[in-house]
Amino acid sequence: MGNKLVALVDGSVYSKSVCENAAWLATRSGQPVEVLHVLGRRDVPVTDLSGSIALGARSALLADLADLDERRAKLSQQKGRAILEDAQSILTDGGVEAVSTRLMNGDIVETLSDLEKDAELLVIGKRGEGADFAKLHLGSNLERVVRSSKRPVFVAARSFVDIKTVLVAFDGGPSAMKAVDYIATSPIFAGVSIRLLTVGNESGDAWAKLEAAKARLATAGLDVTADIQAGQAETVITRVVEQDGVDLLIMGAYGHSRIRSLFIGSTTSEMMRSCKIPVLLFR
């Protein structure tokens, strides 16, 4: 694991929550935060003028178009710096002492592949700049980031709430065990109430894995409970989150292949859509 938190901001309504959640994580872990804003292809226009102007067009028009692209690129840079300044202010006000900012061009996944080497986890908003226009649509970059990242990804909800209760969707698999180990060793979860929940049949093997995970967390000094409930994972988890006032859901990310999820959906995506709380994902 790395020694910093990386918070991704895009200027959407979710960016404030991303920063507030990153501040909560950083003040509890004592880690610095690097705030990242990536200017993608749509943010930095590059016009191929050679084939876009009809034959005989005046050279002045070519110059005007080139100047327009240059001004749009400068505005994108200025907007990006303003987004980062706002983010830095929120984190500083939230008690984070070490905050750095970075403005980069390119594809967000390619950019993160290098930056996350020194990161412990990533913080990203559940939705992007089009959030107000598509309330059930996850951010276009979210799934790409989660699927490609080798670090845990904290997906911030629209509004920040101080996290006091955590639900761990525990299926006994490698991702779930990785999550349990992280919770047990991270100062982030000190004093937080942890509930391990397995959805499915109450088999002996399921109880054995659940009790082992519970013992791991209890040995770390955490307040932990564990239980098994029958039913469909999406339905049961959503109900528990709503009825019990859970503040954070922790689960494994994308257990099925990407192609399969196109046809039958994904528990991960469904949980992020239906639960109005942040989700911490492990792969």
C-alpha atoms as a PDB file:
ATOM      1  CA  MET A   1       0.000   0.000   0.000  1.00  0.00           C
ATOM      2  CA  GLY A   2       1.028   3.583  -0.557  1.00  0.00           C
ATOM      3  CA  ASN A   3       1.292   6.486   1.842  1.00  0.00           C
ATOM      4  CA  LYS A   4      -1.275   8.956   0.507  1.00  0.00           C
ATOM      5  CA  LEU A   5      -4.898   9.295  -0.533  1.00  0.00           C
ATOM      6  CA  VAL A   6      -5.756  10.381  -4.073  1.00  0.00           C
ATOM      7  CA  ALA A   7      -9.004  12.331  -4.496  1.00  0.00           C
ATOM      8  CA  LEU A   8     -10.404  12.762  -8.011  1.00  0.00           C
ATOM      9  CA  VAL A   9     -12.441  15.925  -8.596  1.00  0.00           C
ATOM     10  CA  ASP A  10     -14.238  17.111 -11.737  1.00  0.00           C
ATOM     11  CA  GLY A  11     -16.186  20.182 -10.658  1.00  0.00           C
ATOM     12  CA  SER A  12     -19.478  18.281 -10.322  1.00  0.00           C
ATOM     13  CA  VAL A  13     -21.781  18.508  -7.306  1.00  0.00           C
ATOM     14  CA  TYR A  14     -20.068  15.351  -6.055  1.00  0.00           C
ATOM     15  CA  SER A  15     -16.639  16.985  -5.833  1.00  0.00           C
ATOM     16  CA  LYS A  16     -17.424  18.630  -2.480  1.00  0.00           C
ATOM     17  CA  SER A  17     -18.434  15.264  -1.025  1.00  0.00           C
ATOM     18  CA  VAL A  18     -15.284  13.656  -2.468  1.00  0.00           C
ATOM     19  CA  CYS A  19     -13.167  16.228  -0.632  1.00  0.00           C
ATOM     20  CA  GLU A  20     -15.120  15.981   2.621  1.00  0.00           C
ATOM     21  CA  ASN A  21     -14.862  12.190   2.613  1.00  0.00           C
ATOM     22  CA  ALA A  22     -11.162  12.388   1.757  1.00  0.00           C
ATOM     23  CA  ALA A  23     -10.714  14.781   4.696  1.00  0.00           C
ATOM     24  CA  TRP A  24     -12.470  12.316   7.018  1.00  0.00           C
ATOM     25  CA  LEU A  25     -10.251   9.484   5.820  1.00  0.00           C
ATOM     26  CA  ALA A  26      -7.061  11.561   5.990  1.00  0.00           C
ATOM     27  CA  THR A  27      -7.614  13.005   9.460  1.00  0.00           C
ATOM     28  CA  ARG A  28      -8.221   9.517  10.843  1.00  0.00           C
ATOM     29  CA  SER A  29      -5.295   7.907   9.025  1.00  0.00           C
ATOM     30  CA  GLY A  30      -2.856  10.833   9.260  1.00  0.00           C
ATOM     31  CA  GLN A  31      -2.099  10.591   5.553  1.00  0.00           C
ATOM     32  CA  PRO A  32      -1.635  13.406   3.029  1.00  0.00           C
ATOM     33  CA  VAL A  33      -4.128  13.937   0.223  1.00  0.00           C
ATOM     34  CA  GLU A  34      -3.289  14.529  -3.423  1.00  0.00           C
ATOM     35  CA  VAL A  35      -6.175  16.089  -5.350  1.00  0.00           C
ATOM     36  CA  LEU A  36      -6.257  15.225  -9.038  1.00  0.00           C
ATOM     37  CA  HIS A  37      -8.190  16.805 -11.896  1.00  0.00           C
ATOM     38  CA  VAL A  38      -7.731  15.256 -15.326  1.00  0.00           C
ATOM     39  CA  LEU A  39      -8.487  17.207 -18.478  1.00  0.00           C
ATOM     40  CA  GLY A  40      -9.791  14.653 -20.937  1.00  0.00           C
ATOM     41  CA  ARG A  41     -10.114  14.839 -24.678  1.00  0.00           C
ATOM     42  CA  ARG A  42     -13.350  16.803 -24.479  1.00  0.00           C
ATOM     43  CA  ASP A  43     -11.745  19.364 -22.164  1.00  0.00           C
ATOM     44  CA  VAL A  44      -8.768  20.110 -24.382  1.00  0.00           C
ATOM     45  CA  PRO A  45     -10.040  20.548 -27.955  1.00  0.00           C
ATOM     46  CA  VAL A  46      -7.656  19.811 -30.765  1.00  0.00           C
ATOM     47  CA  THR A  47      -8.986  20.756 -34.168  1.00  0.00           C
ATOM     48  CA  ASP A  48      -7.517  19.320 -37.347  1.00  0.00           C
ATOM     49  CA  LEU A  49      -7.795  22.402 -39.514  1.00  0.00           C
ATOM     50  CA  SER A  50      -6.373  20.808 -42.634  1.00  0.00           C
ATOM     51  CA  GLY A  51      -9.598  19.084 -43.662  1.00  0.00           C
ATOM     52  CA  SER A  52     -12.247  21.061 -41.868  1.00  0.00           C
ATOM     53  CA  ILE A  53     -12.306  24.144 -44.100  1.00  0.00           C
ATOM     54  CA  ALA A  54     -13.777  24.180 -47.556  1.00  0.00           C
ATOM     55  CA  LEU A  55     -11.538  24.783 -50.510  1.00  0.00           C
ATOM     56  CA  GLY A  56     -10.851  28.489 -50.995  1.00  0.00           C
ATOM     57  CA  ALA A  57     -11.551  29.522 -47.409  1.00  0.00           C
ATOM     58  CA  ARG A  58      -9.729  32.604 -46.314  1.00  0.00           C
ATOM     59  CA  SER A  59      -6.586  32.108 -44.276  1.00  0.00           C
ATOM     60  CA  ALA A  60      -7.955  34.522 -41.676  1.00  0.00           C
ATOM     61  CA  LEU A  61     -10.675  32.000 -40.828  1.00  0.00           C
ATOM     62  CA  LEU A  62      -8.050  29.330 -40.223  1.00  0.00           C
ATOM     63  CA  ALA A  63      -6.253  31.683 -37.872  1.00  0.00           C
ATOM     64  CA  ASP A  64      -9.487  32.503 -36.032  1.00  0.00           C
ATOM     65  CA  LEU A  65     -10.275  28.800 -35.528  1.00  0.00           C
ATOM     66  CA  ALA A  66      -6.778  28.118 -34.257  1.00  0.00           C
ATOM     67  CA  ASP A  67      -7.117  31.045 -31.849  1.00  0.00           C
ATOM     68  CA  LEU A  68     -10.503  29.719 -30.667  1.00  0.00           C
ATOM     69  CA  ASP A  69      -9.019  26.316 -29.863  1.00  0.00           C
ATOM     70  CA  GLU A  70      -6.176  27.956 -28.002  1.00  0.00           C
ATOM     71  CA  ARG A  71      -8.549  30.078 -25.920  1.00  0.00           C
ATOM     72  CA  ARG A  72     -10.777  27.085 -25.140  1.00  0.00           C
ATOM     73  CA  ALA A  73      -7.743  25.106 -23.995  1.00  0.00           C
ATOM     74  CA  LYS A  74      -6.652  27.976 -21.733  1.00  0.00           C
ATOM     75  CA  LEU A  75     -10.150  28.216 -20.255  1.00  0.00           C
ATOM     76  CA  SER A  76     -10.125  24.475 -19.530  1.00  0.00           C
ATOM     77  CA  GLN A  77      -6.809  24.882 -17.746  1.00  0.00           C
ATOM     78  CA  GLN A  78      -8.132  27.835 -15.736  1.00  0.00           C
ATOM     79  CA  LYS A  79     -11.290  25.935 -14.822  1.00  0.00           C
ATOM     80  CA  GLY A  80      -9.200  22.943 -13.750  1.00  0.00           C
ATOM     81  CA  ARG A  81      -7.002  25.086 -11.511  1.00  0.00           C
ATOM     82  CA  ALA A  82     -10.087  26.709  -9.960  1.00  0.00           C
ATOM     83  CA  ILE A  83     -11.572  23.254  -9.237  1.00  0.00           C
ATOM     84  CA  LEU A  84      -8.335  22.205  -7.538  1.00  0.00           C
ATOM     85  CA  GLU A  85      -8.150  25.410  -5.488  1.00  0.00           C
ATOM     86  CA  ASP A  86     -11.687  24.869  -4.218  1.00  0.00           C
ATOM     87  CA  ALA A  87     -10.894  21.249  -3.386  1.00  0.00           C
ATOM     88  CA  GLN A  88      -7.743  22.225  -1.508  1.00  0.00           C
ATOM     89  CA  SER A  89      -9.709  24.757   0.517  1.00  0.00           C
ATOM     90  CA  ILE A  90     -12.330  22.156   1.522  1.00  0.00           C
ATOM     91  CA  LEU A  91      -9.648  19.688   2.606  1.00  0.00           C
ATOM     92  CA  THR A  92      -7.723  22.317   4.569  1.00  0.00           C
ATOM     93  CA  ASP A  93     -10.913  23.439   6.310  1.00  0.00           C
ATOM     94  CA  GLY A  94     -11.568  19.762   7.064  1.00  0.00           C
ATOM     95  CA  GLY A  95      -8.351  19.520   9.063  1.00  0.00           C
ATOM     96  CA  VAL A  96      -5.994  17.975   6.498  1.00  0.00           C
ATOM     97  CA  GLU A  97      -2.535  19.438   6.960  1.00  0.00           C
ATOM     98  CA  ALA A  98      -0.801  18.043   3.875  1.00  0.00           C
ATOM     99  CA  VAL A  99      -2.694  18.700   0.639  1.00  0.00           C
ATOM    100  CA  SER A 100      -1.213  18.759  -2.852  1.00  0.00           C
ATOM    101  CA  THR A 101      -2.933  19.314  -6.193  1.00  0.00           C
ATOM    102  CA  ARG A 102      -2.233  18.067  -9.688  1.00  0.00           C
ATOM    103  CA  LEU A 103      -3.734  19.065 -13.035  1.00  0.00           C
ATOM    104  CA  MET A 104      -3.077  16.598 -15.839  1.00  0.00           C
ATOM    105  CA  ASN A 105      -4.099  15.945 -19.438  1.00  0.00           C
ATOM    106  CA  GLY A 106      -5.087  12.586 -20.849  1.00  0.00           C
ATOM    107  CA  ASP A 107      -7.190   9.549 -20.073  1.00  0.00           C
ATOM    108  CA  ILE A 108      -8.105   9.214 -16.414  1.00  0.00           C
ATOM    109  CA  VAL A 109      -7.406   5.466 -16.224  1.00  0.00           C
ATOM    110  CA  GLU A 110      -3.999   5.802 -17.877  1.00  0.00           C
ATOM    111  CA  THR A 111      -3.162   8.706 -15.579  1.00  0.00           C
ATOM    112  CA  LEU A 112      -4.127   6.781 -12.451  1.00  0.00           C
ATOM    113  CA  SER A 113      -2.112   3.724 -13.418  1.00  0.00           C
ATOM    114  CA  ASP A 114       1.023   5.712 -12.583  1.00  0.00           C
ATOM    115  CA  LEU A 115      -0.248   7.841  -9.702  1.00  0.00           C
ATOM    116  CA  GLU A 116      -1.868   5.049  -7.700  1.00  0.00           C
ATOM    117  CA  LYS A 117       1.456   3.289  -7.138  1.00  0.00           C
ATOM    118  CA  ASP A 118       2.027   5.614  -4.173  1.00  0.00           C
ATOM    119  CA  ALA A 119      -1.609   5.698  -3.058  1.00  0.00           C
ATOM    120  CA  GLU A 120      -3.333   3.725  -0.324  1.00  0.00           C
ATOM    121  CA  LEU A 121      -6.777   4.305  -1.782  1.00  0.00           C
ATOM    122  CA  LEU A 122      -8.632   6.427  -4.323  1.00  0.00           C
ATOM    123  CA  VAL A 123     -11.647   8.632  -3.633  1.00  0.00           C
ATOM    124  CA  ILE A 124     -14.045   9.348  -6.499  1.00  0.00           C
ATOM    125  CA  GLY A 125     -17.615  10.618  -6.841  1.00  0.00           C
ATOM    126  CA  LYS A 126     -20.448   8.237  -7.604  1.00  0.00           C
ATOM    127  CA  ARG A 127     -21.472  10.427 -10.518  1.00  0.00           C
ATOM    128  CA  GLY A 128     -19.820  13.127 -12.591  1.00  0.00           C
ATOM    129  CA  GLU A 129     -20.720  16.487 -14.094  1.00  0.00           C
ATOM    130  CA  GLY A 130     -23.987  15.165 -15.561  1.00  0.00           C
ATOM    131  CA  ALA A 131     -25.241  13.983 -12.165  1.00  0.00           C
ATOM    132  CA  ASP A 132     -28.265  16.280 -12.042  1.00  0.00           C
ATOM    133  CA  PHE A 133     -29.437  15.056 -15.427  1.00  0.00           C
ATOM    134  CA  ALA A 134     -29.129  11.317 -14.810  1.00  0.00           C
ATOM    135  CA  LYS A 135     -29.798  10.510 -11.188  1.00  0.00           C
ATOM    136  CA  LEU A 136     -29.551   6.725 -11.603  1.00  0.00           C
ATOM    137  CA  HIS A 137     -26.607   6.806 -13.992  1.00  0.00           C
ATOM    138  CA  LEU A 138     -23.178   6.127 -12.551  1.00  0.00           C
ATOM    139  CA  GLY A 139     -20.312   8.367 -13.615  1.00  0.00           C
ATOM    140  CA  SER A 140     -18.849   7.458 -16.997  1.00  0.00           C
ATOM    141  CA  ASN A 141     -15.364   7.044 -15.528  1.00  0.00           C
ATOM    142  CA  LEU A 142     -16.348   5.310 -12.291  1.00  0.00           C
ATOM    143  CA  GLU A 143     -16.568   1.736 -13.534  1.00  0.00           C
ATOM    144  CA  ARG A 144     -13.383   2.147 -15.601  1.00  0.00           C
ATOM    145  CA  VAL A 145     -11.491   3.394 -12.558  1.00  0.00           C
ATOM    146  CA  VAL A 146     -12.785   0.652 -10.240  1.00  0.00           C
ATOM    147  CA  ARG A 147     -12.107  -2.139 -12.731  1.00  0.00           C
ATOM    148  CA  SER A 148      -8.591  -0.963 -13.544  1.00  0.00           C
ATOM    149  CA  SER A 149      -7.357   0.204 -10.141  1.00  0.00           C
ATOM    150  CA  LYS A 150      -5.194  -2.023  -7.992  1.00  0.00           C
ATOM    151  CA  ARG A 151      -6.096   0.019  -4.911  1.00  0.00           C
ATOM    152  CA  PRO A 152      -9.311   0.180  -2.872  1.00  0.00           C
ATOM    153  CA  VAL A 153     -11.725   2.771  -4.283  1.00  0.00           C
ATOM    154  CA  PHE A 154     -13.893   4.892  -1.998  1.00  0.00           C
ATOM    155  CA  VAL A 155     -16.976   5.976  -3.958  1.00  0.00           C
ATOM    156  CA  ALA A 156     -18.439   9.104  -2.405  1.00  0.00           C
ATOM    157  CA  ALA A 157     -22.187   9.710  -2.283  1.00  0.00           C
ATOM    158  CA  ARG A 158     -23.729  13.083  -3.088  1.00  0.00           C
ATOM    159  CA  SER A 159     -23.554  14.368   0.503  1.00  0.00           C
ATOM    160  CA  PHE A 160     -21.031  13.686   3.247  1.00  0.00           C
ATOM    161  CA  VAL A 161     -22.130  12.128   6.543  1.00  0.00           C
ATOM    162  CA  ASP A 162     -19.812  11.405   9.460  1.00  0.00           C
ATOM    163  CA  ILE A 163     -19.229   7.654   9.324  1.00  0.00           C
ATOM    164  CA  LYS A 164     -20.118   5.797  12.507  1.00  0.00           C
ATOM    165  CA  THR A 165     -21.594   2.511  11.254  1.00  0.00           C
ATOM    166  CA  VAL A 166     -20.135   0.275   8.541  1.00  0.00           C
ATOM    167  CA  LEU A 167     -21.724  -2.678   6.781  1.00  0.00           C
ATOM    168  CA  VAL A 168     -19.383  -5.222   5.195  1.00  0.00           C
ATOM    169  CA  ALA A 169     -21.026  -7.368   2.508  1.00  0.00           C
ATOM    170  CA  PHE A 170     -19.051 -10.516   3.254  1.00  0.00           C
ATOM    171  CA  ASP A 171     -19.106 -13.466   0.848  1.00  0.00           C
ATOM    172  CA  GLY A 172     -15.947 -15.201   2.092  1.00  0.00           C
ATOM    173  CA  GLY A 173     -14.067 -14.556  -1.154  1.00  0.00           C
ATOM    174  CA  PRO A 174     -10.594 -13.039  -1.627  1.00  0.00           C
ATOM    175  CA  SER A 175     -11.913  -9.473  -2.022  1.00  0.00           C
ATOM    176  CA  ALA A 176     -13.978  -9.756   1.152  1.00  0.00           C
ATOM    177  CA  MET A 177     -10.987 -11.085   3.098  1.00  0.00           C
ATOM    178  CA  LYS A 178      -8.849  -8.268   1.737  1.00  0.00           C
ATOM    179  CA  ALA A 179     -11.451  -5.807   3.007  1.00  0.00           C
ATOM    180  CA  VAL A 180     -11.470  -7.420   6.470  1.00  0.00           C
ATOM    181  CA  ASP A 181      -7.676  -7.278   6.686  1.00  0.00           C
ATOM    182  CA  TYR A 182      -7.712  -3.618   5.668  1.00  0.00           C
ATOM    183  CA  ILE A 183     -10.337  -2.729   8.261  1.00  0.00           C
ATOM    184  CA  ALA A 184      -8.413  -4.596  10.961  1.00  0.00           C
ATOM    185  CA  THR A 185      -5.129  -2.804  10.274  1.00  0.00           C
ATOM    186  CA  SER A 186      -6.283   0.712   9.378  1.00  0.00           C
ATOM    187  CA  PRO A 187      -6.731   3.461  11.986  1.00  0.00           C
ATOM    188  CA  ILE A 188      -9.600   4.766   9.864  1.00  0.00           C
ATOM    189  CA  PHE A 189     -12.064   2.354  11.476  1.00  0.00           C
ATOM    190  CA  ALA A 190     -11.111   2.827  15.123  1.00  0.00           C
ATOM    191  CA  GLY A 191     -14.260   3.501  17.140  1.00  0.00           C
ATOM    192  CA  VAL A 192     -16.548   2.697  14.205  1.00  0.00           C
ATOM    193  CA  SER A 193     -19.226   0.010  14.540  1.00  0.00           C
ATOM    194  CA  ILE A 194     -18.675  -2.835  12.046  1.00  0.00           C
ATOM    195  CA  ARG A 195     -21.310  -5.329  10.902  1.00  0.00           C
ATOM    196  CA  LEU A 196     -20.408  -8.322   8.765  1.00  0.00           C
ATOM    197  CA  LEU A 197     -23.312  -9.556   6.650  1.00  0.00           C
ATOM    198  CA  THR A 198     -23.397 -12.673   4.509  1.00  0.00           C
ATOM    199  CA  VAL A 199     -26.371 -13.034   2.177  1.00  0.00           C
ATOM    200  CA  GLY A 200     -27.300 -16.637   1.312  1.00  0.00           C
ATOM    201  CA  ASN A 201     -27.837 -19.999   2.900  1.00  0.00           C
ATOM    202  CA  GLU A 202     -26.703 -20.631   6.477  1.00  0.00           C
ATOM    203  CA  SER A 203     -24.200 -23.376   5.725  1.00  0.00           C
ATOM    204  CA  GLY A 204     -21.491 -24.485   8.094  1.00  0.00           C
ATOM    205  CA  ASP A 205     -18.807 -23.243   5.741  1.00  0.00           C
ATOM    206  CA  ALA A 206     -20.424 -19.796   5.484  1.00  0.00           C
ATOM    207  CA  TRP A 207     -20.616 -19.478   9.273  1.00  0.00           C
ATOM    208  CA  ALA A 208     -17.016 -20.649   9.686  1.00  0.00           C
ATOM    209  CA  LYS A 209     -15.700 -17.973   7.319  1.00  0.00           C
ATOM    210  CA  LEU A 210     -17.907 -15.327   8.881  1.00  0.00           C
ATOM    211  CA  GLU A 211     -16.818 -16.173  12.425  1.00  0.00           C
ATOM    212  CA  ALA A 212     -13.152 -16.157  11.362  1.00  0.00           C
ATOM    213  CA  ALA A 213     -13.581 -12.686   9.867  1.00  0.00           C
ATOM    214  CA  LYS A 214     -15.395 -11.506  12.996  1.00  0.00           C
ATOM    215  CA  ALA A 215     -12.579 -12.838  15.197  1.00  0.00           C
ATOM    216  CA  ARG A 216      -9.999 -11.044  13.049  1.00  0.00           C
ATOM    217  CA  LEU A 217     -11.732  -7.705  13.591  1.00  0.00           C
ATOM    218  CA  ALA A 218     -12.480  -8.324  17.270  1.00  0.00           C
ATOM    219  CA  THR A 219      -8.809  -9.139  17.883  1.00  0.00           C
ATOM    220  CA  ALA A 220      -7.973  -5.749  16.374  1.00  0.00           C
ATOM    221  CA  GLY A 221     -10.135  -4.143  19.060  1.00  0.00           C
ATOM    222  CA  LEU A 222     -13.073  -3.264  16.829  1.00  0.00           C
ATOM    223  CA  ASP A 223     -16.763  -3.335  17.736  1.00  0.00           C
ATOM    224  CA  VAL A 224     -18.070  -6.032  15.372  1.00  0.00           C
ATOM    225  CA  THR A 225     -21.182  -8.144  14.864  1.00  0.00           C
ATOM    226  CA  ALA A 226     -21.917 -10.788  12.216  1.00  0.00           C
ATOM    227  CA  ASP A 227     -24.973 -12.461  10.773  1.00  0.00           C
ATOM    228  CA  ILE A 228     -26.349 -14.315   7.734  1.00  0.00           C
ATOM    229  CA  GLN A 229     -29.589 -13.451   5.963  1.00  0.00           C
ATOM    230  CA  ALA A 230     -31.311 -15.329   3.171  1.00  0.00           C
ATOM    231  CA  GLY A 231     -32.309 -13.662  -0.085  1.00  0.00           C
ATOM    232  CA  GLN A 232     -30.869 -11.807  -3.059  1.00  0.00           C
ATOM    233  CA  ALA A 233     -27.750  -9.801  -2.229  1.00  0.00           C
ATOM    234  CA  GLU A 234     -28.937  -6.554  -3.828  1.00  0.00           C
ATOM    235  CA  THR A 235     -32.323  -6.647  -2.070  1.00  0.00           C
ATOM    236  CA  VAL A 236     -31.071  -7.651   1.364  1.00  0.00           C
ATOM    237  CA  ILE A 237     -28.128  -5.260   1.463  1.00  0.00           C
ATOM    238  CA  THR A 238     -30.200  -2.300   0.285  1.00  0.00           C
ATOM    239  CA  ARG A 239     -32.851  -3.051   2.929  1.00  0.00           C
ATOM    240  CA  VAL A 240     -30.286  -3.325   5.728  1.00  0.00           C
ATOM    241  CA  VAL A 241     -28.582  -0.089   4.668  1.00  0.00           C
ATOM    242  CA  GLU A 242     -31.872   1.806   4.735  1.00  0.00           C
ATOM    243  CA  GLN A 243     -33.420   0.254   7.842  1.00  0.00           C
ATOM    244  CA  ASP A 244     -30.326   0.311  10.046  1.00  0.00           C
ATOM    245  CA  GLY A 245     -28.955   3.720   9.037  1.00  0.00           C
ATOM    246  CA  VAL A 246     -25.644   2.403   7.705  1.00  0.00           C
ATOM    247  CA  ASP A 247     -23.129   5.143   6.868  1.00  0.00           C
ATOM    248  CA  LEU A 248     -20.672   3.177   4.698  1.00  0.00           C
ATOM    249  CA  LEU A 249     -20.945  -0.034   2.672  1.00  0.00           C
ATOM    250  CA  ILE A 250     -17.803  -2.110   2.082  1.00  0.00           C
ATOM    251  CA  MET A 251     -17.800  -4.871  -0.516  1.00  0.00           C
ATOM    252  CA  GLY A 252     -15.844  -6.631  -3.235  1.00  0.00           C
ATOM    253  CA  ALA A 253     -15.930  -5.081  -6.702  1.00  0.00           C
ATOM    254  CA  TYR A 254     -17.158  -6.678  -9.909  1.00  0.00           C
ATOM    255  CA  GLY A 255     -16.959 -10.386  -9.231  1.00  0.00           C
ATOM    256  CA  HIS A 256     -18.254 -11.217 -12.715  1.00  0.00           C
ATOM    257  CA  SER A 257     -16.632 -10.496 -16.048  1.00  0.00           C
ATOM    258  CA  ARG A 258     -17.377  -7.202 -17.748  1.00  0.00           C
ATOM    259  CA  ILE A 259     -19.065  -8.943 -20.693  1.00  0.00           C
ATOM    260  CA  ARG A 260     -21.347 -10.946 -18.396  1.00  0.00           C
ATOM    261  CA  SER A 261     -22.348  -7.833 -16.472  1.00  0.00           C
ATOM    262  CA  LEU A 262     -23.551  -6.238 -19.697  1.00  0.00           C
ATOM    263  CA  PHE A 263     -26.271  -8.879 -19.862  1.00  0.00           C
ATOM    264  CA  ILE A 264     -27.165  -9.666 -16.245  1.00  0.00           C
ATOM    265  CA  GLY A 265     -25.990  -6.539 -14.499  1.00  0.00           C
ATOM    266  CA  SER A 266     -23.569  -6.372 -11.583  1.00  0.00           C
ATOM    267  CA  THR A 267     -24.156  -6.484  -7.842  1.00  0.00           C
ATOM    268  CA  THR A 268     -21.477  -3.813  -7.490  1.00  0.00           C
ATOM    269  CA  SER A 269     -23.122  -1.387  -9.909  1.00  0.00           C
ATOM    270  CA  GLU A 270     -26.568  -2.075  -8.496  1.00  0.00           C
ATOM    271  CA  MET A 271     -25.403  -1.389  -4.958  1.00  0.00           C
ATOM    272  CA  MET A 272     -23.830   1.907  -5.967  1.00  0.00           C
ATOM    273  CA  ARG A 273     -27.028   2.940  -7.742  1.00  0.00           C
ATOM    274  CA  SER A 274     -29.491   1.921  -5.056  1.00  0.00           C
ATOM    275  CA  CYS A 275     -27.576   2.831  -1.877  1.00  0.00           C
ATOM    276  CA  LYS A 276     -27.409   6.543  -1.110  1.00  0.00           C
ATOM    277  CA  ILE A 277     -24.274   6.112   0.985  1.00  0.00           C
ATOM    278  CA  PRO A 278     -20.588   5.864   0.108  1.00  0.00           C
ATOM    279  CA  VAL A 279     -19.193   2.492  -0.942  1.00  0.00           C
ATOM    280  CA  LEU A 280     -15.628   1.283  -0.363  1.00  0.00           C
ATOM    281  CA  LEU A 281     -14.690  -1.294  -2.986  1.00  0.00           C
ATOM    282  CA  PHE A 282     -11.962  -3.942  -2.908  1.00  0.00           C
ATOM    283  CA  ARG A 283     -10.760  -6.144  -5.748  1.00  0.00           C
END
